[in-house]
């Protein structure tokens, strides 16, 4: 009975997992759904998946401003996230902005 509760919990976590726009044919959600049917599914695996989904490690071990904004390139990670989000929307930078290193 414990395995079926773990399977139900993992299925509910899988249904709330975000879709990866860069790899539409390989989704972690599909893997988690198939994993929920595994006969040796443990509650620890379900708990680890839930912690991943909730960003528990990121909350527990928060990064300092010094790490997120290094002195050599203070906006590096901010630009990285912006580029990822733009790319997920399908918007790219023109070739001349890439060539000349223009970010905005």
PDB file of N, CA and C in Angstrom:
ATOM      1  N   UNK A   1       0.813  -1.198   0.000  1.00  0.00           N
ATOM      2  CA  UNK A   1       0.000   0.000   0.000  1.00  0.00           C
ATOM      3  C   UNK A   1       0.858   1.263   0.000  1.00  0.00           C
ATOM      4  N   UNK A   2       2.015   1.208   0.648  1.00  0.00           N
ATOM      5  CA  UNK A   2       2.905   2.363   0.700  1.00  0.00           C
ATOM      6  C   UNK A   2       3.414   2.710  -0.697  1.00  0.00           C
ATOM      7  N   UNK A   3       3.688   1.685  -1.498  1.00  0.00           N
ATOM      8  CA  UNK A   3       4.182   1.917  -2.858  1.00  0.00           C
ATOM      9  C   UNK A   3       3.144   2.633  -3.706  1.00  0.00           C
ATOM     10  N   UNK A   4       1.863   2.307  -3.526  1.00  0.00           N
ATOM     11  CA  UNK A   4       0.839   2.966  -4.331  1.00  0.00           C
ATOM     12  C   UNK A   4       0.674   4.431  -3.922  1.00  0.00           C
ATOM     13  N   UNK A   5       0.848   4.735  -2.623  1.00  0.00           N
ATOM     14  CA  UNK A   5       0.787   6.139  -2.188  1.00  0.00           C
ATOM     15  C   UNK A   5       1.970   6.908  -2.765  1.00  0.00           C
ATOM     16  N   UNK A   6       3.146   6.285  -2.757  1.00  0.00           N
ATOM     17  CA  UNK A   6       4.325   6.921  -3.334  1.00  0.00           C
ATOM     18  C   UNK A   6       4.127   7.136  -4.836  1.00  0.00           C
ATOM     19  N   UNK A   7       3.535   6.159  -5.503  1.00  0.00           N
ATOM     20  CA  UNK A   7       3.279   6.284  -6.938  1.00  0.00           C
ATOM     21  C   UNK A   7       2.292   7.412  -7.222  1.00  0.00           C
ATOM     22  N   UNK A   8       1.259   7.527  -6.408  1.00  0.00           N
ATOM     23  CA  UNK A   8       0.285   8.604  -6.582  1.00  0.00           C
ATOM     24  C   UNK A   8       0.937   9.967  -6.353  1.00  0.00           C
ATOM     25  N   UNK A   9       1.757  10.053  -5.321  1.00  0.00           N
ATOM     26  CA  UNK A   9       2.442  11.308  -5.012  1.00  0.00           C
ATOM     27  C   UNK A   9       3.397  11.694  -6.143  1.00  0.00           C
ATOM     28  N   UNK A  10       4.149  10.713  -6.648  1.00  0.00           N
ATOM     29  CA  UNK A  10       5.073  10.997  -7.747  1.00  0.00           C
ATOM     30  C   UNK A  10       4.315  11.389  -9.013  1.00  0.00           C
ATOM     31  N   UNK A  11       3.178  10.780  -9.256  1.00  0.00           N
ATOM     32  CA  UNK A  11       2.363  11.152 -10.421  1.00  0.00           C
ATOM     33  C   UNK A  11       1.860  12.582 -10.298  1.00  0.00           C
ATOM     34  N   UNK A  12       1.479  12.981  -9.097  1.00  0.00           N
ATOM     35  CA  UNK A  12       1.007  14.359  -8.923  1.00  0.00           C
ATOM     36  C   UNK A  12       2.157  15.353  -9.070  1.00  0.00           C
ATOM     37  N   UNK A  13       3.357  14.979  -8.602  1.00  0.00           N
ATOM     38  CA  UNK A  13       4.529  15.840  -8.790  1.00  0.00           C
ATOM     39  C   UNK A  13       4.857  15.947 -10.275  1.00  0.00           C
ATOM     40  N   UNK A  14       4.776  14.825 -10.982  1.00  0.00           N
ATOM     41  CA  UNK A  14       5.063  14.816 -12.425  1.00  0.00           C
ATOM     42  C   UNK A  14       4.085  15.686 -13.195  1.00  0.00           C
ATOM     43  N   UNK A  15       2.826  15.696 -12.780  1.00  0.00           N
ATOM     44  CA  UNK A  15       1.841  16.505 -13.502  1.00  0.00           C
ATOM     45  C   UNK A  15       2.086  17.998 -13.322  1.00  0.00           C
ATOM     46  N   UNK A  16       2.735  18.380 -12.224  1.00  0.00           N
ATOM     47  CA  UNK A  16       3.009  19.799 -11.999  1.00  0.00           C
ATOM     48  C   UNK A  16       4.411  20.215 -12.466  1.00  0.00           C
ATOM     49  N   UNK A  17       5.164  19.279 -13.038  1.00  0.00           N
ATOM     50  CA  UNK A  17       6.524  19.580 -13.483  1.00  0.00           C
ATOM     51  C   UNK A  17       6.479  20.449 -14.736  1.00  0.00           C
ATOM     52  N   UNK A  18       7.309  21.498 -14.823  1.00  0.00           N
ATOM     53  CA  UNK A  18       7.282  22.373 -16.005  1.00  0.00           C
ATOM     54  C   UNK A  18       7.834  21.680 -17.253  1.00  0.00           C
ATOM     55  N   UNK A  19       7.375  22.127 -18.392  1.00  0.00           N
ATOM     56  CA  UNK A  19       7.804  21.573 -19.679  1.00  0.00           C
ATOM     57  C   UNK A  19       9.112  22.240 -20.093  1.00  0.00           C
ATOM     58  N   UNK A  20      10.035  21.464 -20.615  1.00  0.00           N
ATOM     59  CA  UNK A  20      11.306  21.980 -21.112  1.00  0.00           C
ATOM     60  C   UNK A  20      11.126  22.394 -22.569  1.00  0.00           C
ATOM     61  N   UNK A  21      11.192  23.702 -22.870  1.00  0.00           N
ATOM     62  CA  UNK A  21      10.956  24.142 -24.249  1.00  0.00           C
ATOM     63  C   UNK A  21      12.094  23.794 -25.205  1.00  0.00           C
ATOM     64  N   UNK A  22      13.277  23.484 -24.684  1.00  0.00           N
ATOM     65  CA  UNK A  22      14.435  23.221 -25.539  1.00  0.00           C
ATOM     66  C   UNK A  22      14.555  21.767 -25.964  1.00  0.00           C
ATOM     67  N   UNK A  23      13.923  20.876 -25.228  1.00  0.00           N
ATOM     68  CA  UNK A  23      13.952  19.452 -25.572  1.00  0.00           C
ATOM     69  C   UNK A  23      12.530  18.899 -25.534  1.00  0.00           C
ATOM     70  N   UNK A  24      11.732  19.196 -26.552  1.00  0.00           N
ATOM     71  CA  UNK A  24      10.330  18.746 -26.514  1.00  0.00           C
ATOM     72  C   UNK A  24      10.165  17.235 -26.586  1.00  0.00           C
ATOM     73  N   UNK A  25      11.154  16.529 -27.118  1.00  0.00           N
ATOM     74  CA  UNK A  25      11.035  15.071 -27.229  1.00  0.00           C
ATOM     75  C   UNK A  25      11.543  14.339 -25.986  1.00  0.00           C
ATOM     76  N   UNK A  26      12.252  15.038 -25.096  1.00  0.00           N
ATOM     77  CA  UNK A  26      12.758  14.427 -23.864  1.00  0.00           C
ATOM     78  C   UNK A  26      12.274  15.282 -22.701  1.00  0.00           C
ATOM     79  N   UNK A  27      11.254  14.815 -22.016  1.00  0.00           N
ATOM     80  CA  UNK A  27      10.686  15.564 -20.904  1.00  0.00           C
ATOM     81  C   UNK A  27      10.884  14.796 -19.598  1.00  0.00           C
ATOM     82  N   UNK A  28      11.299  15.499 -18.579  1.00  0.00           N
ATOM     83  CA  UNK A  28      11.460  14.879 -17.266  1.00  0.00           C
ATOM     84  C   UNK A  28      10.107  14.428 -16.718  1.00  0.00           C
ATOM     85  N   UNK A  29       9.062  15.131 -17.098  1.00  0.00           N
ATOM     86  CA  UNK A  29       7.706  14.767 -16.683  1.00  0.00           C
ATOM     87  C   UNK A  29       7.366  13.338 -17.117  1.00  0.00           C
ATOM     88  N   UNK A  30       7.703  12.988 -18.347  1.00  0.00           N
ATOM     89  CA  UNK A  30       7.431  11.633 -18.852  1.00  0.00           C
ATOM     90  C   UNK A  30       8.220  10.583 -18.073  1.00  0.00           C
ATOM     91  N   UNK A  31       9.470  10.907 -17.775  1.00  0.00           N
ATOM     92  CA  UNK A  31      10.292   9.989 -16.994  1.00  0.00           C
ATOM     93  C   UNK A  31       9.687   9.757 -15.612  1.00  0.00           C
ATOM     94  N   UNK A  32       9.230  10.822 -14.974  1.00  0.00           N
ATOM     95  CA  UNK A  32       8.645  10.692 -13.636  1.00  0.00           C
ATOM     96  C   UNK A  32       7.350   9.887 -13.656  1.00  0.00           C
ATOM     97  N   UNK A  33       6.567  10.043 -14.699  1.00  0.00           N
ATOM     98  CA  UNK A  33       5.332   9.247 -14.820  1.00  0.00           C
ATOM     99  C   UNK A  33       5.672   7.766 -14.944  1.00  0.00           C
ATOM    100  N   UNK A  34       6.664   7.436 -15.765  1.00  0.00           N
ATOM    101  CA  UNK A  34       7.070   6.037 -15.912  1.00  0.00           C
ATOM    102  C   UNK A  34       7.724   5.512 -14.632  1.00  0.00           C
ATOM    103  N   UNK A  35       8.453   6.374 -13.950  1.00  0.00           N
ATOM    104  CA  UNK A  35       9.082   5.971 -12.697  1.00  0.00           C
ATOM    105  C   UNK A  35       8.041   5.666 -11.624  1.00  0.00           C
ATOM    106  N   UNK A  36       6.916   6.351 -11.664  1.00  0.00           N
ATOM    107  CA  UNK A  36       5.871   6.100 -10.663  1.00  0.00           C
ATOM    108  C   UNK A  36       5.295   4.684 -10.785  1.00  0.00           C
ATOM    109  N   UNK A  37       5.466   4.049 -11.927  1.00  0.00           N
ATOM    110  CA  UNK A  37       4.981   2.682 -12.113  1.00  0.00           C
ATOM    111  C   UNK A  37       6.031   1.634 -11.737  1.00  0.00           C
ATOM    112  N   UNK A  38       7.211   2.081 -11.326  1.00  0.00           N
ATOM    113  CA  UNK A  38       8.285   1.142 -10.984  1.00  0.00           C
ATOM    114  C   UNK A  38       7.941   0.405  -9.687  1.00  0.00           C
ATOM    115  N   UNK A  39       8.140  -0.897  -9.652  1.00  0.00           N
ATOM    116  CA  UNK A  39       7.764  -1.670  -8.462  1.00  0.00           C
ATOM    117  C   UNK A  39       8.612  -1.368  -7.227  1.00  0.00           C
ATOM    118  N   UNK A  40       9.827  -0.868  -7.400  1.00  0.00           N
ATOM    119  CA  UNK A  40      10.691  -0.594  -6.261  1.00  0.00           C
ATOM    120  C   UNK A  40      10.799   0.898  -5.950  1.00  0.00           C
ATOM    121  N   UNK A  41       9.762   1.644  -6.241  1.00  0.00           N
ATOM    122  CA  UNK A  41       9.733   3.072  -5.956  1.00  0.00           C
ATOM    123  C   UNK A  41       9.740   3.293  -4.443  1.00  0.00           C
ATOM    124  N   UNK A  42      10.623   4.170  -3.985  1.00  0.00           N
ATOM    125  CA  UNK A  42      10.721   4.419  -2.553  1.00  0.00           C
ATOM    126  C   UNK A  42      10.207   5.813  -2.216  1.00  0.00           C
ATOM    127  N   UNK A  43       9.863   5.998  -0.958  1.00  0.00           N
ATOM    128  CA  UNK A  43       9.389   7.315  -0.525  1.00  0.00           C
ATOM    129  C   UNK A  43      10.526   8.338  -0.564  1.00  0.00           C
ATOM    130  N   UNK A  44      11.778   7.868  -0.420  1.00  0.00           N
ATOM    131  CA  UNK A  44      12.917   8.773  -0.500  1.00  0.00           C
ATOM    132  C   UNK A  44      13.052   9.359  -1.909  1.00  0.00           C
ATOM    133  N   UNK A  45      12.798   8.549  -2.918  1.00  0.00           N
ATOM    134  CA  UNK A  45      12.862   9.035  -4.298  1.00  0.00           C
ATOM    135  C   UNK A  45      11.773  10.070  -4.545  1.00  0.00           C
ATOM    136  N   UNK A  46      10.602   9.833  -3.990  1.00  0.00           N
ATOM    137  CA  UNK A  46       9.495  10.779  -4.151  1.00  0.00           C
ATOM    138  C   UNK A  46       9.824  12.085  -3.429  1.00  0.00           C
ATOM    139  N   UNK A  47      10.383  11.972  -2.233  1.00  0.00           N
ATOM    140  CA  UNK A  47      10.743  13.163  -1.468  1.00  0.00           C
ATOM    141  C   UNK A  47      11.832  13.963  -2.187  1.00  0.00           C
ATOM    142  N   UNK A  48      12.819  13.292  -2.756  1.00  0.00           N
ATOM    143  CA  UNK A  48      13.887  13.970  -3.498  1.00  0.00           C
ATOM    144  C   UNK A  48      13.324  14.700  -4.709  1.00  0.00           C
ATOM    145  N   UNK A  49      12.377  14.085  -5.389  1.00  0.00           N
ATOM    146  CA  UNK A  49      11.748  14.721  -6.547  1.00  0.00           C
ATOM    147  C   UNK A  49      10.966  15.957  -6.129  1.00  0.00           C
ATOM    148  N   UNK A  50      10.283  15.844  -5.014  1.00  0.00           N
ATOM    149  CA  UNK A  50       9.515  16.987  -4.516  1.00  0.00           C
ATOM    150  C   UNK A  50      10.445  18.134  -4.117  1.00  0.00           C
ATOM    151  N   UNK A  51      11.571  17.827  -3.506  1.00  0.00           N
ATOM    152  CA  UNK A  51      12.539  18.859  -3.144  1.00  0.00           C
ATOM    153  C   UNK A  51      13.123  19.534  -4.382  1.00  0.00           C
ATOM    154  N   UNK A  52      13.358  18.756  -5.440  1.00  0.00           N
ATOM    155  CA  UNK A  52      13.830  19.344  -6.700  1.00  0.00           C
ATOM    156  C   UNK A  52      12.804  20.299  -7.289  1.00  0.00           C
ATOM    157  N   UNK A  53      11.550  19.864  -7.288  1.00  0.00           N
ATOM    158  CA  UNK A  53      10.492  20.696  -7.856  1.00  0.00           C
ATOM    159  C   UNK A  53      10.324  22.004  -7.084  1.00  0.00           C
ATOM    160  N   UNK A  54      10.479  21.940  -5.759  1.00  0.00           N
ATOM    161  CA  UNK A  54      10.247  23.109  -4.911  1.00  0.00           C
ATOM    162  C   UNK A  54      11.487  23.979  -4.712  1.00  0.00           C
ATOM    163  N   UNK A  55      12.587  23.647  -5.364  1.00  0.00           N
ATOM    164  CA  UNK A  55      13.849  24.388  -5.228  1.00  0.00           C
ATOM    165  C   UNK A  55      14.292  24.495  -3.773  1.00  0.00           C
ATOM    166  N   UNK A  56      14.146  23.446  -3.015  1.00  0.00           N
ATOM    167  CA  UNK A  56      14.462  23.465  -1.589  1.00  0.00           C
ATOM    168  C   UNK A  56      15.939  23.721  -1.329  1.00  0.00           C
ATOM    169  N   UNK A  57      16.808  23.170  -2.137  1.00  0.00           N
ATOM    170  CA  UNK A  57      18.246  23.357  -1.936  1.00  0.00           C
ATOM    171  C   UNK A  57      18.629  24.811  -2.210  1.00  0.00           C
ATOM    172  N   UNK A  58      18.035  25.395  -3.241  1.00  0.00           N
ATOM    173  CA  UNK A  58      18.318  26.796  -3.558  1.00  0.00           C
ATOM    174  C   UNK A  58      17.862  27.709  -2.424  1.00  0.00           C
ATOM    175  N   UNK A  59      16.755  27.356  -1.786  1.00  0.00           N
ATOM    176  CA  UNK A  59      16.261  28.155  -0.661  1.00  0.00           C
ATOM    177  C   UNK A  59      17.121  27.931   0.583  1.00  0.00           C
ATOM    178  N   UNK A  60      17.549  26.701   0.793  1.00  0.00           N
ATOM    179  CA  UNK A  60      18.335  26.383   1.980  1.00  0.00           C
ATOM    180  C   UNK A  60      19.740  26.978   1.897  1.00  0.00           C
ATOM    181  N   UNK A  61      20.355  26.904   0.734  1.00  0.00           N
ATOM    182  CA  UNK A  61      21.707  27.418   0.530  1.00  0.00           C
ATOM    183  C   UNK A  61      21.661  28.569  -0.474  1.00  0.00           C
ATOM    184  N   UNK A  62      21.155  29.685  -0.034  1.00  0.00           N
ATOM    185  CA  UNK A  62      21.016  30.851  -0.912  1.00  0.00           C
ATOM    186  C   UNK A  62      22.393  31.375  -1.323  1.00  0.00           C
ATOM    187  N   UNK A  63      22.485  31.814  -2.562  1.00  0.00           N
ATOM    188  CA  UNK A  63      23.745  32.352  -3.070  1.00  0.00           C
ATOM    189  C   UNK A  63      23.863  33.824  -2.680  1.00  0.00           C
ATOM    190  N   UNK A  64      25.065  34.237  -2.337  1.00  0.00           N
ATOM    191  CA  UNK A  64      25.289  35.626  -1.943  1.00  0.00           C
ATOM    192  C   UNK A  64      25.299  36.525  -3.178  1.00  0.00           C
ATOM    193  N   UNK A  65      25.153  37.812  -2.941  1.00  0.00           N
ATOM    194  CA  UNK A  65      25.197  38.783  -4.037  1.00  0.00           C
ATOM    195  C   UNK A  65      26.569  38.784  -4.696  1.00  0.00           C
ATOM    196  N   UNK A  66      27.592  38.498  -3.924  1.00  0.00           N
ATOM    197  CA  UNK A  66      28.958  38.456  -4.467  1.00  0.00           C
ATOM    198  C   UNK A  66      29.113  37.312  -5.472  1.00  0.00           C
ATOM    199  N   UNK A  67      28.424  36.213  -5.222  1.00  0.00           N
ATOM    200  CA  UNK A  67      28.471  35.079  -6.139  1.00  0.00           C
ATOM    201  C   UNK A  67      27.627  35.347  -7.376  1.00  0.00           C
ATOM    202  N   UNK A  68      26.456  35.936  -7.168  1.00  0.00           N
ATOM    203  CA  UNK A  68      25.549  36.186  -8.291  1.00  0.00           C
ATOM    204  C   UNK A  68      25.986  37.353  -9.166  1.00  0.00           C
ATOM    205  N   UNK A  69      26.773  38.252  -8.605  1.00  0.00           N
ATOM    206  CA  UNK A  69      27.249  39.412  -9.359  1.00  0.00           C
ATOM    207  C   UNK A  69      28.754  39.552  -9.175  1.00  0.00           C
ATOM    208  N   UNK A  70      29.532  38.719  -9.872  1.00  0.00           N
ATOM    209  CA  UNK A  70      30.988  38.792  -9.717  1.00  0.00           C
ATOM    210  C   UNK A  70      31.532  40.140 -10.203  1.00  0.00           C
ATOM    211  N   UNK A  71      32.597  40.577  -9.580  1.00  0.00           N
ATOM    212  CA  UNK A  71      33.165  41.895  -9.892  1.00  0.00           C
ATOM    213  C   UNK A  71      33.573  42.014 -11.356  1.00  0.00           C
ATOM    214  N   UNK A  72      34.031  40.942 -11.964  1.00  0.00           N
ATOM    215  CA  UNK A  72      34.494  41.007 -13.350  1.00  0.00           C
ATOM    216  C   UNK A  72      33.344  41.163 -14.351  1.00  0.00           C
ATOM    217  N   UNK A  73      32.183  40.572 -14.059  1.00  0.00           N
ATOM    218  CA  UNK A  73      31.007  40.674 -14.940  1.00  0.00           C
ATOM    219  C   UNK A  73      29.751  40.686 -14.071  1.00  0.00           C
ATOM    220  N   UNK A  74      29.373  41.838 -13.532  1.00  0.00           N
ATOM    221  CA  UNK A  74      28.272  41.878 -12.576  1.00  0.00           C
ATOM    222  C   UNK A  74      26.916  41.437 -13.137  1.00  0.00           C
ATOM    223  N   UNK A  75      26.693  41.582 -14.416  1.00  0.00           N
ATOM    224  CA  UNK A  75      25.386  41.232 -14.984  1.00  0.00           C
ATOM    225  C   UNK A  75      25.397  39.895 -15.719  1.00  0.00           C
ATOM    226  N   UNK A  76      26.429  39.092 -15.545  1.00  0.00           N
ATOM    227  CA  UNK A  76      26.586  37.851 -16.300  1.00  0.00           C
ATOM    228  C   UNK A  76      25.391  36.909 -16.135  1.00  0.00           C
ATOM    229  N   UNK A  77      25.029  36.593 -14.910  1.00  0.00           N
ATOM    230  CA  UNK A  77      23.946  35.627 -14.673  1.00  0.00           C
ATOM    231  C   UNK A  77      22.591  36.205 -15.040  1.00  0.00           C
ATOM    232  N   UNK A  78      22.431  37.506 -14.859  1.00  0.00           N
ATOM    233  CA  UNK A  78      21.189  38.170 -15.261  1.00  0.00           C
ATOM    234  C   UNK A  78      21.004  38.063 -16.777  1.00  0.00           C
ATOM    235  N   UNK A  79      22.067  38.311 -17.517  1.00  0.00           N
ATOM    236  CA  UNK A  79      22.013  38.195 -18.981  1.00  0.00           C
ATOM    237  C   UNK A  79      21.802  36.753 -19.422  1.00  0.00           C
ATOM    238  N   UNK A  80      22.388  35.834 -18.708  1.00  0.00           N
ATOM    239  CA  UNK A  80      22.220  34.419 -19.021  1.00  0.00           C
ATOM    240  C   UNK A  80      20.751  34.014 -18.903  1.00  0.00           C
ATOM    241  N   UNK A  81      20.100  34.444 -17.840  1.00  0.00           N
ATOM    242  CA  UNK A  81      18.676  34.139 -17.644  1.00  0.00           C
ATOM    243  C   UNK A  81      17.830  34.834 -18.701  1.00  0.00           C
ATOM    244  N   UNK A  82      18.147  36.088 -19.007  1.00  0.00           N
ATOM    245  CA  UNK A  82      17.413  36.812 -20.050  1.00  0.00           C
ATOM    246  C   UNK A  82      17.527  36.101 -21.398  1.00  0.00           C
ATOM    247  N   UNK A  83      18.734  35.664 -21.728  1.00  0.00           N
ATOM    248  CA  UNK A  83      18.947  34.953 -22.988  1.00  0.00           C
ATOM    249  C   UNK A  83      18.184  33.643 -23.037  1.00  0.00           C
ATOM    250  N   UNK A  84      18.162  32.933 -21.935  1.00  0.00           N
ATOM    251  CA  UNK A  84      17.417  31.673 -21.853  1.00  0.00           C
ATOM    252  C   UNK A  84      15.925  31.924 -22.061  1.00  0.00           C
ATOM    253  N   UNK A  85      15.388  32.943 -21.394  1.00  0.00           N
ATOM    254  CA  UNK A  85      13.966  33.248 -21.525  1.00  0.00           C
ATOM    255  C   UNK A  85      13.607  33.705 -22.932  1.00  0.00           C
ATOM    256  N   UNK A  86      14.472  34.543 -23.518  1.00  0.00           N
ATOM    257  CA  UNK A  86      14.221  34.982 -24.900  1.00  0.00           C
ATOM    258  C   UNK A  86      14.278  33.812 -25.870  1.00  0.00           C
ATOM    259  N   UNK A  87      15.234  32.942 -25.668  1.00  0.00           N
ATOM    260  CA  UNK A  87      15.378  31.782 -26.527  1.00  0.00           C
ATOM    261  C   UNK A  87      14.174  30.848 -26.399  1.00  0.00           C
ATOM    262  N   UNK A  88      13.655  30.708 -25.189  1.00  0.00           N
ATOM    263  CA  UNK A  88      12.476  29.869 -24.978  1.00  0.00           C
ATOM    264  C   UNK A  88      11.261  30.448 -25.700  1.00  0.00           C
ATOM    265  N   UNK A  89      11.202  31.760 -25.810  1.00  0.00           N
ATOM    266  CA  UNK A  89      10.101  32.401 -26.554  1.00  0.00           C
ATOM    267  C   UNK A  89      10.322  32.343 -28.059  1.00  0.00           C
ATOM    268  N   UNK A  90      11.561  32.030 -28.462  1.00  0.00           N
ATOM    269  CA  UNK A  90      11.865  31.951 -29.894  1.00  0.00           C
ATOM    270  C   UNK A  90      12.476  33.229 -30.437  1.00  0.00           C
ATOM    271  N   UNK A  91      12.722  34.198 -29.570  1.00  0.00           N
ATOM    272  CA  UNK A  91      13.311  35.465 -30.007  1.00  0.00           C
ATOM    273  C   UNK A  91      14.824  35.389 -29.868  1.00  0.00           C
ATOM    274  N   UNK A  92      15.515  35.798 -30.892  1.00  0.00           N
ATOM    275  CA  UNK A  92      16.974  35.792 -30.861  1.00  0.00           C
ATOM    276  C   UNK A  92      17.513  37.193 -31.058  1.00  0.00           C
ATOM    277  N   UNK A  93      18.814  37.348 -30.908  1.00  0.00           N
ATOM    278  CA  UNK A  93      19.448  38.642 -31.163  1.00  0.00           C
ATOM    279  C   UNK A  93      19.896  38.698 -32.609  1.00  0.00           C
ATOM    280  N   UNK A  94      19.849  39.877 -33.218  1.00  0.00           N
ATOM    281  CA  UNK A  94      20.365  40.016 -34.579  1.00  0.00           C
ATOM    282  C   UNK A  94      21.865  39.720 -34.613  1.00  0.00           C
ATOM    283  N   UNK A  95      22.351  39.328 -35.783  1.00  0.00           N
ATOM    284  CA  UNK A  95      23.740  38.927 -35.911  1.00  0.00           C
ATOM    285  C   UNK A  95      24.700  40.038 -35.513  1.00  0.00           C
ATOM    286  N   UNK A  96      24.343  41.288 -35.787  1.00  0.00           N
ATOM    287  CA  UNK A  96      25.262  42.391 -35.499  1.00  0.00           C
ATOM    288  C   UNK A  96      25.377  42.636 -33.992  1.00  0.00           C
ATOM    289  N   UNK A  97      24.312  42.352 -33.232  1.00  0.00           N
ATOM    290  CA  UNK A  97      24.399  42.501 -31.778  1.00  0.00           C
ATOM    291  C   UNK A  97      25.283  41.409 -31.188  1.00  0.00           C
ATOM    292  N   UNK A  98      25.221  40.226 -31.763  1.00  0.00           N
ATOM    293  CA  UNK A  98      26.092  39.140 -31.311  1.00  0.00           C
ATOM    294  C   UNK A  98      27.536  39.466 -31.654  1.00  0.00           C
ATOM    295  N   UNK A  99      27.760  39.956 -32.868  1.00  0.00           N
ATOM    296  CA  UNK A  99      29.115  40.263 -33.337  1.00  0.00           C
ATOM    297  C   UNK A  99      29.775  41.351 -32.501  1.00  0.00           C
ATOM    298  N   UNK A 100      29.011  42.433 -32.221  1.00  0.00           N
ATOM    299  CA  UNK A 100      29.574  43.574 -31.481  1.00  0.00           C
ATOM    300  C   UNK A 100      29.403  43.469 -29.976  1.00  0.00           C
ATOM    301  N   UNK A 101      28.759  42.421 -29.503  1.00  0.00           N
ATOM    302  CA  UNK A 101      28.594  42.237 -28.066  1.00  0.00           C
ATOM    303  C   UNK A 101      27.589  43.174 -27.439  1.00  0.00           C
ATOM    304  N   UNK A 102      26.584  43.591 -28.195  1.00  0.00           N
ATOM    305  CA  UNK A 102      25.542  44.500 -27.680  1.00  0.00           C
ATOM    306  C   UNK A 102      24.465  43.652 -27.026  1.00  0.00           C
ATOM    307  N   UNK A 103      24.108  43.988 -25.787  1.00  0.00           N
ATOM    308  CA  UNK A 103      23.123  43.178 -25.057  1.00  0.00           C
ATOM    309  C   UNK A 103      21.743  43.780 -25.054  1.00  0.00           C
ATOM    310  N   UNK A 104      21.598  45.061 -25.161  1.00  0.00           N
ATOM    311  CA  UNK A 104      20.253  45.675 -25.129  1.00  0.00           C
ATOM    312  C   UNK A 104      19.969  46.415 -26.397  1.00  0.00           C
TER     313      UNK A 104
END
